[in-house]
Amino acid sequence: MYIHYMVRTQIYLDDAVHARLHELAVRQGRTMSDLIREAIARVFGESNLERRLNTLGAADGLWLDRDDLDDADVYVRRLRHDTRRSRKR
């Protein structure tokens, strides 16, 4: 996903910072690059695209476990039925 929106760059880290990043990356199962990108986004802000993708990711499956909602097909049919009645008037 990132490859089309990323620009490759290089940074120098002292040994202590590098060791902490490496340890955290291993513990979280992430890459050091991912941790650095996240830290930069927190300090300097995210782009609009990143913000939208994060919002979509957070909303994904939001209503998945709800049992008080109809099936999506039933819901859409009901909406279409309601609009059909209003158009016939």
Protein backbone atom coordinates (compact mmCIF):
# COMPACT_ATOMS: atom_id res chain seq x y z
CA MET A 1 0.00 0.00 0.00
CA TYR A 2 2.74 2.50 0.89
CA ILE A 3 5.00 1.92 -2.09
CA HIS A 4 3.09 4.28 -4.39
CA TYR A 5 2.95 7.14 -1.91
CA MET A 6 6.37 6.88 -0.27
CA VAL A 7 9.68 8.55 -0.95
CA ARG A 8 12.72 6.64 0.20
CA THR A 9 15.00 8.50 2.57
CA GLN A 10 17.84 7.73 4.91
CA ILE A 11 18.38 8.81 8.54
CA TYR A 12 21.17 8.35 11.03
CA LEU A 13 20.31 7.10 14.53
CA ASP A 14 22.56 6.71 17.51
CA ASP A 15 23.05 3.18 18.84
CA ALA A 16 20.68 3.60 21.79
CA VAL A 17 17.76 4.88 19.68
CA HIS A 18 18.37 2.20 17.07
CA ALA A 19 18.37 -0.52 19.74
CA ARG A 20 15.12 0.77 21.28
CA LEU A 21 13.43 0.97 17.90
CA HIS A 22 14.61 -2.51 16.96
CA GLU A 23 13.38 -3.98 20.27
CA LEU A 24 10.00 -2.29 19.94
CA ALA A 25 9.62 -3.38 16.33
CA VAL A 26 10.34 -7.01 17.23
CA ARG A 27 7.97 -6.89 20.22
CA GLN A 28 5.14 -5.39 18.16
CA GLY A 29 5.79 -7.41 15.02
CA ARG A 30 6.29 -4.24 12.97
CA THR A 31 9.13 -2.76 10.99
CA MET A 32 11.36 0.00 12.27
CA SER A 33 10.30 2.06 9.25
CA ASP A 34 6.67 1.73 10.26
CA LEU A 35 7.45 2.91 13.80
CA ILE A 36 9.41 5.89 12.47
CA ARG A 37 6.58 6.84 10.04
CA GLU A 38 4.06 6.64 12.89
CA ALA A 39 6.22 8.84 15.14
CA ILE A 40 6.67 11.42 12.39
CA ALA A 41 2.92 11.45 11.68
CA ARG A 42 2.21 12.03 15.39
CA VAL A 43 4.61 14.94 15.58
CA PHE A 44 4.02 16.60 12.20
CA GLY A 45 0.50 15.40 11.43
CA GLU A 46 -0.88 13.01 8.87
CA SER A 47 -1.80 13.77 5.29
CA ASN A 48 -5.47 13.88 4.36
CA LEU A 49 -5.13 10.54 2.58
CA GLU A 50 -3.63 8.87 5.63
CA ARG A 51 -6.31 10.35 7.87
CA ARG A 52 -9.06 9.07 5.59
CA LEU A 53 -7.51 5.61 5.37
CA ASN A 54 -7.12 5.46 9.14
CA THR A 55 -10.74 6.53 9.61
CA LEU A 56 -11.93 3.90 7.16
CA GLY A 57 -9.80 1.27 8.86
CA ALA A 58 -11.23 2.19 12.26
CA ALA A 59 -14.79 1.99 10.93
CA ASP A 60 -14.26 -1.35 9.19
CA GLY A 61 -16.54 -3.94 10.77
CA LEU A 62 -17.97 -1.45 13.24
CA TRP A 63 -21.43 -3.00 13.11
CA LEU A 64 -20.25 -6.53 12.47
CA ASP A 65 -21.51 -8.03 15.75
CA ARG A 66 -24.81 -6.17 15.89
CA ASP A 67 -27.81 -8.48 15.83
CA ASP A 68 -30.46 -5.74 15.88
CA LEU A 69 -29.85 -4.80 12.24
CA ASP A 70 -31.31 -6.46 9.18
CA ASP A 71 -29.21 -8.15 6.56
CA ALA A 72 -27.79 -5.60 4.10
CA ASP A 73 -29.90 -6.97 1.24
CA VAL A 74 -33.09 -6.67 3.30
CA TYR A 75 -32.14 -3.12 4.31
CA VAL A 76 -31.50 -2.04 0.72
CA ARG A 77 -34.76 -3.62 -0.50
CA ARG A 78 -36.66 -1.80 2.24
CA LEU A 79 -35.06 1.52 1.25
CA ARG A 80 -35.88 0.95 -2.40
CA HIS A 81 -39.43 -0.03 -1.54
CA ASP A 82 -39.91 3.17 0.50
CA THR A 83 -38.63 5.38 -2.31
CA ARG A 84 -40.76 3.54 -4.85
CA ARG A 85 -43.88 4.45 -2.86
CA SER A 86 -42.94 8.12 -2.71
CA ARG A 87 -42.25 8.26 -6.45
CA LYS A 88 -45.72 6.88 -7.34
CA ARG A 89 -47.52 9.77 -5.60
